[in-house]
């Protein structure tokens, strides 16, 4: 499963609010909703977030195996 906890930690550490992302960077509110609900995002959206935050992909997402992956 893809987990967006690193994203929330990154914006918190940098003092960036979701309001600022929406208003100043034109991040779609639906994108933030999908991240809160651990829903999939396109690689284009992940690329945009990396560009906006000047960070690596690891600062936005991480892979966490779920119970079904532990064969």
PDB file of N, CA and C in Angstrom:
ATOM      1  N   UNK A   1       0.849  -1.175   0.000  1.00  0.00           N
ATOM      2  CA  UNK A   1       0.000   0.000   0.000  1.00  0.00           C
ATOM      3  C   UNK A   1       0.895   1.238   0.000  1.00  0.00           C
ATOM      4  N   UNK A   2       0.462   2.237  -0.713  1.00  0.00           N
ATOM      5  CA  UNK A   2       1.165   3.521  -0.715  1.00  0.00           C
ATOM      6  C   UNK A   2       0.646   4.359   0.449  1.00  0.00           C
ATOM      7  N   UNK A   3       1.571   4.891   1.220  1.00  0.00           N
ATOM      8  CA  UNK A   3       1.237   5.684   2.405  1.00  0.00           C
ATOM      9  C   UNK A   3       1.766   7.100   2.202  1.00  0.00           C
ATOM     10  N   UNK A   4       0.925   8.083   2.489  1.00  0.00           N
ATOM     11  CA  UNK A   4       1.288   9.487   2.292  1.00  0.00           C
ATOM     12  C   UNK A   4       1.744  10.186   3.578  1.00  0.00           C
ATOM     13  N   UNK A   5       2.012   9.434   4.619  1.00  0.00           N
ATOM     14  CA  UNK A   5       2.478  10.034   5.873  1.00  0.00           C
ATOM     15  C   UNK A   5       3.707  10.924   5.667  1.00  0.00           C
ATOM     16  N   UNK A   6       4.672  10.524   4.826  1.00  0.00           N
ATOM     17  CA  UNK A   6       5.824  11.418   4.620  1.00  0.00           C
ATOM     18  C   UNK A   6       5.429  12.805   4.100  1.00  0.00           C
ATOM     19  N   UNK A   7       4.396  12.879   3.254  1.00  0.00           N
ATOM     20  CA  UNK A   7       3.928  14.178   2.752  1.00  0.00           C
ATOM     21  C   UNK A   7       3.480  15.067   3.896  1.00  0.00           C
ATOM     22  N   UNK A   8       2.639  14.514   4.775  1.00  0.00           N
ATOM     23  CA  UNK A   8       2.121  15.315   5.897  1.00  0.00           C
ATOM     24  C   UNK A   8       3.249  15.749   6.820  1.00  0.00           C
ATOM     25  N   UNK A   9       4.225  14.867   7.029  1.00  0.00           N
ATOM     26  CA  UNK A   9       5.385  15.233   7.851  1.00  0.00           C
ATOM     27  C   UNK A   9       6.213  16.321   7.172  1.00  0.00           C
ATOM     28  N   UNK A  10       6.383  16.222   5.862  1.00  0.00           N
ATOM     29  CA  UNK A  10       7.178  17.211   5.121  1.00  0.00           C
ATOM     30  C   UNK A  10       6.553  18.591   5.198  1.00  0.00           C
ATOM     31  N   UNK A  11       5.252  18.691   4.945  1.00  0.00           N
ATOM     32  CA  UNK A  11       4.654  20.029   4.974  1.00  0.00           C
ATOM     33  C   UNK A  11       4.614  20.581   6.405  1.00  0.00           C
ATOM     34  N   UNK A  12       4.463  19.700   7.381  1.00  0.00           N
ATOM     35  CA  UNK A  12       4.479  20.161   8.781  1.00  0.00           C
ATOM     36  C   UNK A  12       5.866  20.695   9.142  1.00  0.00           C
ATOM     37  N   UNK A  13       6.912  19.951   8.792  1.00  0.00           N
ATOM     38  CA  UNK A  13       8.285  20.375   9.095  1.00  0.00           C
ATOM     39  C   UNK A  13       8.636  21.702   8.423  1.00  0.00           C
ATOM     40  N   UNK A  14       8.065  21.933   7.254  1.00  0.00           N
ATOM     41  CA  UNK A  14       8.362  23.152   6.501  1.00  0.00           C
ATOM     42  C   UNK A  14       7.405  24.290   6.815  1.00  0.00           C
ATOM     43  N   UNK A  15       6.423  24.025   7.658  1.00  0.00           N
ATOM     44  CA  UNK A  15       5.480  25.070   8.038  1.00  0.00           C
ATOM     45  C   UNK A  15       4.552  25.480   6.908  1.00  0.00           C
ATOM     46  N   UNK A  16       4.235  24.533   6.023  1.00  0.00           N
ATOM     47  CA  UNK A  16       3.351  24.804   4.888  1.00  0.00           C
ATOM     48  C   UNK A  16       1.969  24.245   5.203  1.00  0.00           C
ATOM     49  N   UNK A  17       0.968  25.071   5.088  1.00  0.00           N
ATOM     50  CA  UNK A  17      -0.396  24.615   5.355  1.00  0.00           C
ATOM     51  C   UNK A  17      -1.036  24.072   4.083  1.00  0.00           C
ATOM     52  N   UNK A  18      -2.056  23.267   4.268  1.00  0.00           N
ATOM     53  CA  UNK A  18      -2.801  22.790   3.103  1.00  0.00           C
ATOM     54  C   UNK A  18      -3.496  23.970   2.422  1.00  0.00           C
ATOM     55  N   UNK A  19      -3.898  24.955   3.207  1.00  0.00           N
ATOM     56  CA  UNK A  19      -4.508  26.161   2.630  1.00  0.00           C
ATOM     57  C   UNK A  19      -3.535  26.844   1.666  1.00  0.00           C
ATOM     58  N   UNK A  20      -2.282  26.958   2.076  1.00  0.00           N
ATOM     59  CA  UNK A  20      -1.275  27.589   1.214  1.00  0.00           C
ATOM     60  C   UNK A  20      -1.059  26.769  -0.052  1.00  0.00           C
ATOM     61  N   UNK A  21      -1.061  25.451   0.064  1.00  0.00           N
ATOM     62  CA  UNK A  21      -0.896  24.613  -1.119  1.00  0.00           C
ATOM     63  C   UNK A  21      -2.044  24.828  -2.098  1.00  0.00           C
ATOM     64  N   UNK A  22      -3.238  24.926  -1.571  1.00  0.00           N
ATOM     65  CA  UNK A  22      -4.415  25.127  -2.417  1.00  0.00           C
ATOM     66  C   UNK A  22      -4.405  26.522  -3.034  1.00  0.00           C
ATOM     67  N   UNK A  23      -4.194  27.538  -2.219  1.00  0.00           N
ATOM     68  CA  UNK A  23      -4.303  28.930  -2.671  1.00  0.00           C
ATOM     69  C   UNK A  23      -3.098  29.414  -3.471  1.00  0.00           C
ATOM     70  N   UNK A  24      -1.902  29.111  -2.995  1.00  0.00           N
ATOM     71  CA  UNK A  24      -0.700  29.656  -3.627  1.00  0.00           C
ATOM     72  C   UNK A  24      -0.130  28.751  -4.710  1.00  0.00           C
ATOM     73  N   UNK A  25      -0.282  27.461  -4.551  1.00  0.00           N
ATOM     74  CA  UNK A  25       0.340  26.515  -5.490  1.00  0.00           C
ATOM     75  C   UNK A  25      -0.677  25.814  -6.383  1.00  0.00           C
ATOM     76  N   UNK A  26      -1.946  26.149  -6.190  1.00  0.00           N
ATOM     77  CA  UNK A  26      -3.023  25.566  -7.000  1.00  0.00           C
ATOM     78  C   UNK A  26      -3.110  24.049  -6.918  1.00  0.00           C
ATOM     79  N   UNK A  27      -2.786  23.509  -5.734  1.00  0.00           N
ATOM     80  CA  UNK A  27      -2.983  22.077  -5.514  1.00  0.00           C
ATOM     81  C   UNK A  27      -4.476  21.855  -5.337  1.00  0.00           C
ATOM     82  N   UNK A  28      -4.997  20.885  -6.037  1.00  0.00           N
ATOM     83  CA  UNK A  28      -6.418  20.594  -5.991  1.00  0.00           C
ATOM     84  C   UNK A  28      -6.811  20.038  -4.625  1.00  0.00           C
ATOM     85  N   UNK A  29      -7.890  20.544  -4.067  1.00  0.00           N
ATOM     86  CA  UNK A  29      -8.378  20.055  -2.785  1.00  0.00           C
ATOM     87  C   UNK A  29      -8.674  18.557  -2.853  1.00  0.00           C
ATOM     88  N   UNK A  30      -9.124  18.090  -4.013  1.00  0.00           N
ATOM     89  CA  UNK A  30      -9.385  16.666  -4.205  1.00  0.00           C
ATOM     90  C   UNK A  30      -8.131  15.824  -4.059  1.00  0.00           C
ATOM     91  N   UNK A  31      -6.993  16.370  -4.464  1.00  0.00           N
ATOM     92  CA  UNK A  31      -5.723  15.668  -4.310  1.00  0.00           C
ATOM     93  C   UNK A  31      -5.410  15.465  -2.832  1.00  0.00           C
ATOM     94  N   UNK A  32      -5.585  16.515  -2.049  1.00  0.00           N
ATOM     95  CA  UNK A  32      -5.319  16.407  -0.613  1.00  0.00           C
ATOM     96  C   UNK A  32      -6.307  15.443   0.051  1.00  0.00           C
ATOM     97  N   UNK A  33      -7.551  15.466  -0.393  1.00  0.00           N
ATOM     98  CA  UNK A  33      -8.554  14.526   0.121  1.00  0.00           C
ATOM     99  C   UNK A  33      -8.122  13.089  -0.178  1.00  0.00           C
ATOM    100  N   UNK A  34      -7.692  12.843  -1.411  1.00  0.00           N
ATOM    101  CA  UNK A  34      -7.252  11.495  -1.790  1.00  0.00           C
ATOM    102  C   UNK A  34      -6.054  11.064  -0.951  1.00  0.00           C
ATOM    103  N   UNK A  35      -5.165  11.985  -0.647  1.00  0.00           N
ATOM    104  CA  UNK A  35      -4.004  11.649   0.174  1.00  0.00           C
ATOM    105  C   UNK A  35      -4.417  11.343   1.612  1.00  0.00           C
ATOM    106  N   UNK A  36      -5.373  12.087   2.128  1.00  0.00           N
ATOM    107  CA  UNK A  36      -5.862  11.822   3.490  1.00  0.00           C
ATOM    108  C   UNK A  36      -6.490  10.429   3.586  1.00  0.00           C
ATOM    109  N   UNK A  37      -7.145  10.010   2.508  1.00  0.00           N
ATOM    110  CA  UNK A  37      -7.856   8.732   2.489  1.00  0.00           C
ATOM    111  C   UNK A  37      -7.009   7.587   1.925  1.00  0.00           C
ATOM    112  N   UNK A  38      -5.713   7.846   1.704  1.00  0.00           N
ATOM    113  CA  UNK A  38      -4.781   6.841   1.192  1.00  0.00           C
ATOM    114  C   UNK A  38      -5.229   6.280  -0.160  1.00  0.00           C
ATOM    115  N   UNK A  39      -5.761   7.143  -1.006  1.00  0.00           N
ATOM    116  CA  UNK A  39      -6.205   6.762  -2.350  1.00  0.00           C
ATOM    117  C   UNK A  39      -5.062   6.985  -3.338  1.00  0.00           C
ATOM    118  N   UNK A  40      -5.082   6.296  -4.467  1.00  0.00           N
ATOM    119  CA  UNK A  40      -3.995   6.450  -5.447  1.00  0.00           C
ATOM    120  C   UNK A  40      -3.951   7.831  -6.099  1.00  0.00           C
ATOM    121  N   UNK A  41      -2.744   8.243  -6.443  1.00  0.00           N
ATOM    122  CA  UNK A  41      -2.510   9.477  -7.204  1.00  0.00           C
ATOM    123  C   UNK A  41      -1.714   9.120  -8.447  1.00  0.00           C
ATOM    124  N   UNK A  42      -1.830   9.950  -9.454  1.00  0.00           N
ATOM    125  CA  UNK A  42      -1.046   9.728 -10.674  1.00  0.00           C
ATOM    126  C   UNK A  42       0.405  10.125 -10.428  1.00  0.00           C
ATOM    127  N   UNK A  43       1.288   9.590 -11.248  1.00  0.00           N
ATOM    128  CA  UNK A  43       2.695   9.972 -11.140  1.00  0.00           C
ATOM    129  C   UNK A  43       2.876  11.444 -11.532  1.00  0.00           C
ATOM    130  N   UNK A  44       2.003  11.953 -12.376  1.00  0.00           N
ATOM    131  CA  UNK A  44       2.055  13.374 -12.729  1.00  0.00           C
ATOM    132  C   UNK A  44       1.792  14.235 -11.502  1.00  0.00           C
ATOM    133  N   UNK A  45       0.809  13.854 -10.706  1.00  0.00           N
ATOM    134  CA  UNK A  45       0.498  14.595  -9.475  1.00  0.00           C
ATOM    135  C   UNK A  45       1.652  14.505  -8.491  1.00  0.00           C
ATOM    136  N   UNK A  46       2.250  13.324  -8.354  1.00  0.00           N
ATOM    137  CA  UNK A  46       3.397  13.171  -7.457  1.00  0.00           C
ATOM    138  C   UNK A  46       4.567  14.022  -7.943  1.00  0.00           C
ATOM    139  N   UNK A  47       4.778  14.065  -9.245  1.00  0.00           N
ATOM    140  CA  UNK A  47       5.827  14.909  -9.823  1.00  0.00           C
ATOM    141  C   UNK A  47       5.568  16.380  -9.510  1.00  0.00           C
ATOM    142  N   UNK A  48       4.325  16.805  -9.649  1.00  0.00           N
ATOM    143  CA  UNK A  48       3.963  18.196  -9.343  1.00  0.00           C
ATOM    144  C   UNK A  48       4.236  18.519  -7.876  1.00  0.00           C
ATOM    145  N   UNK A  49       3.887  17.605  -6.985  1.00  0.00           N
ATOM    146  CA  UNK A  49       4.117  17.846  -5.549  1.00  0.00           C
ATOM    147  C   UNK A  49       5.608  17.927  -5.240  1.00  0.00           C
ATOM    148  N   UNK A  50       6.403  17.067  -5.862  1.00  0.00           N
ATOM    149  CA  UNK A  50       7.859  17.129  -5.662  1.00  0.00           C
ATOM    150  C   UNK A  50       8.410  18.473  -6.145  1.00  0.00           C
ATOM    151  N   UNK A  51       7.911  18.938  -7.279  1.00  0.00           N
ATOM    152  CA  UNK A  51       8.361  20.230  -7.826  1.00  0.00           C
ATOM    153  C   UNK A  51       7.964  21.375  -6.905  1.00  0.00           C
ATOM    154  N   UNK A  52       6.723  21.365  -6.444  1.00  0.00           N
ATOM    155  CA  UNK A  52       6.221  22.432  -5.566  1.00  0.00           C
ATOM    156  C   UNK A  52       6.993  22.481  -4.261  1.00  0.00           C
ATOM    157  N   UNK A  53       7.244  21.305  -3.682  1.00  0.00           N
ATOM    158  CA  UNK A  53       7.895  21.238  -2.367  1.00  0.00           C
ATOM    159  C   UNK A  53       9.418  21.149  -2.461  1.00  0.00           C
ATOM    160  N   UNK A  54       9.957  21.060  -3.688  1.00  0.00           N
ATOM    161  CA  UNK A  54      11.409  20.918  -3.878  1.00  0.00           C
ATOM    162  C   UNK A  54      11.938  19.763  -3.026  1.00  0.00           C
ATOM    163  N   UNK A  55      11.331  18.594  -3.252  1.00  0.00           N
ATOM    164  CA  UNK A  55      11.706  17.438  -2.437  1.00  0.00           C
ATOM    165  C   UNK A  55      11.794  16.185  -3.296  1.00  0.00           C
ATOM    166  N   UNK A  56      12.184  15.101  -2.660  1.00  0.00           N
ATOM    167  CA  UNK A  56      12.271  13.798  -3.305  1.00  0.00           C
ATOM    168  C   UNK A  56      10.943  13.061  -3.136  1.00  0.00           C
ATOM    169  N   UNK A  57      10.721  12.055  -3.953  1.00  0.00           N
ATOM    170  CA  UNK A  57       9.492  11.268  -3.860  1.00  0.00           C
ATOM    171  C   UNK A  57       9.350  10.625  -2.474  1.00  0.00           C
ATOM    172  N   UNK A  58      10.463  10.269  -1.855  1.00  0.00           N
ATOM    173  CA  UNK A  58      10.447   9.656  -0.524  1.00  0.00           C
ATOM    174  C   UNK A  58       9.925  10.619   0.544  1.00  0.00           C
ATOM    175  N   UNK A  59       9.917  11.912   0.220  1.00  0.00           N
ATOM    176  CA  UNK A  59       9.388  12.903   1.151  1.00  0.00           C
ATOM    177  C   UNK A  59       7.870  13.037   1.020  1.00  0.00           C
ATOM    178  N   UNK A  60       7.289  12.293   0.068  1.00  0.00           N
ATOM    179  CA  UNK A  60       5.843  12.364  -0.168  1.00  0.00           C
ATOM    180  C   UNK A  60       5.155  11.028   0.061  1.00  0.00           C
ATOM    181  N   UNK A  61       5.772   9.950  -0.413  1.00  0.00           N
ATOM    182  CA  UNK A  61       5.141   8.630  -0.297  1.00  0.00           C
ATOM    183  C   UNK A  61       6.132   7.590   0.206  1.00  0.00           C
ATOM    184  N   UNK A  62       5.559   6.506   0.710  1.00  0.00           N
ATOM    185  CA  UNK A  62       6.357   5.333   1.053  1.00  0.00           C
ATOM    186  C   UNK A  62       5.492   4.106   0.804  1.00  0.00           C
ATOM    187  N   UNK A  63       6.142   3.005   0.525  1.00  0.00           N
ATOM    188  CA  UNK A  63       5.429   1.753   0.316  1.00  0.00           C
ATOM    189  C   UNK A  63       5.422   0.968   1.623  1.00  0.00           C
ATOM    190  N   UNK A  64       4.237   0.516   2.008  1.00  0.00           N
ATOM    191  CA  UNK A  64       4.077  -0.297   3.211  1.00  0.00           C
ATOM    192  C   UNK A  64       3.363  -1.583   2.794  1.00  0.00           C
ATOM    193  N   UNK A  65       4.015  -2.732   2.921  1.00  0.00           N
ATOM    194  CA  UNK A  65       3.350  -3.980   2.539  1.00  0.00           C
ATOM    195  C   UNK A  65       2.110  -4.203   3.409  1.00  0.00           C
ATOM    196  N   UNK A  66       1.040  -4.667   2.790  1.00  0.00           N
ATOM    197  CA  UNK A  66      -0.134  -4.998   3.595  1.00  0.00           C
ATOM    198  C   UNK A  66      -0.135  -6.507   3.841  1.00  0.00           C
ATOM    199  N   UNK A  67      -1.098  -6.983   4.590  1.00  0.00           N
ATOM    200  CA  UNK A  67      -1.147  -8.387   5.001  1.00  0.00           C
ATOM    201  C   UNK A  67      -1.155  -9.331   3.803  1.00  0.00           C
ATOM    202  N   UNK A  68      -1.813  -8.938   2.723  1.00  0.00           N
ATOM    203  CA  UNK A  68      -1.911  -9.796   1.532  1.00  0.00           C
ATOM    204  C   UNK A  68      -0.590  -9.896   0.780  1.00  0.00           C
ATOM    205  N   UNK A  69       0.316  -8.961   0.984  1.00  0.00           N
ATOM    206  CA  UNK A  69       1.603  -8.954   0.296  1.00  0.00           C
ATOM    207  C   UNK A  69       2.631  -9.865   0.953  1.00  0.00           C
ATOM    208  N   UNK A  70       2.334 -10.349   2.127  1.00  0.00           N
ATOM    209  CA  UNK A  70       3.318 -11.113   2.893  1.00  0.00           C
ATOM    210  C   UNK A  70       3.255 -12.604   2.583  1.00  0.00           C
ATOM    211  N   UNK A  71       2.819 -12.975   1.380  1.00  0.00           N
ATOM    212  CA  UNK A  71       2.704 -14.315   0.834  1.00  0.00           C
ATOM    213  C   UNK A  71       3.123 -15.384   1.695  1.00  0.00           C
TER     214      UNK A  71
END
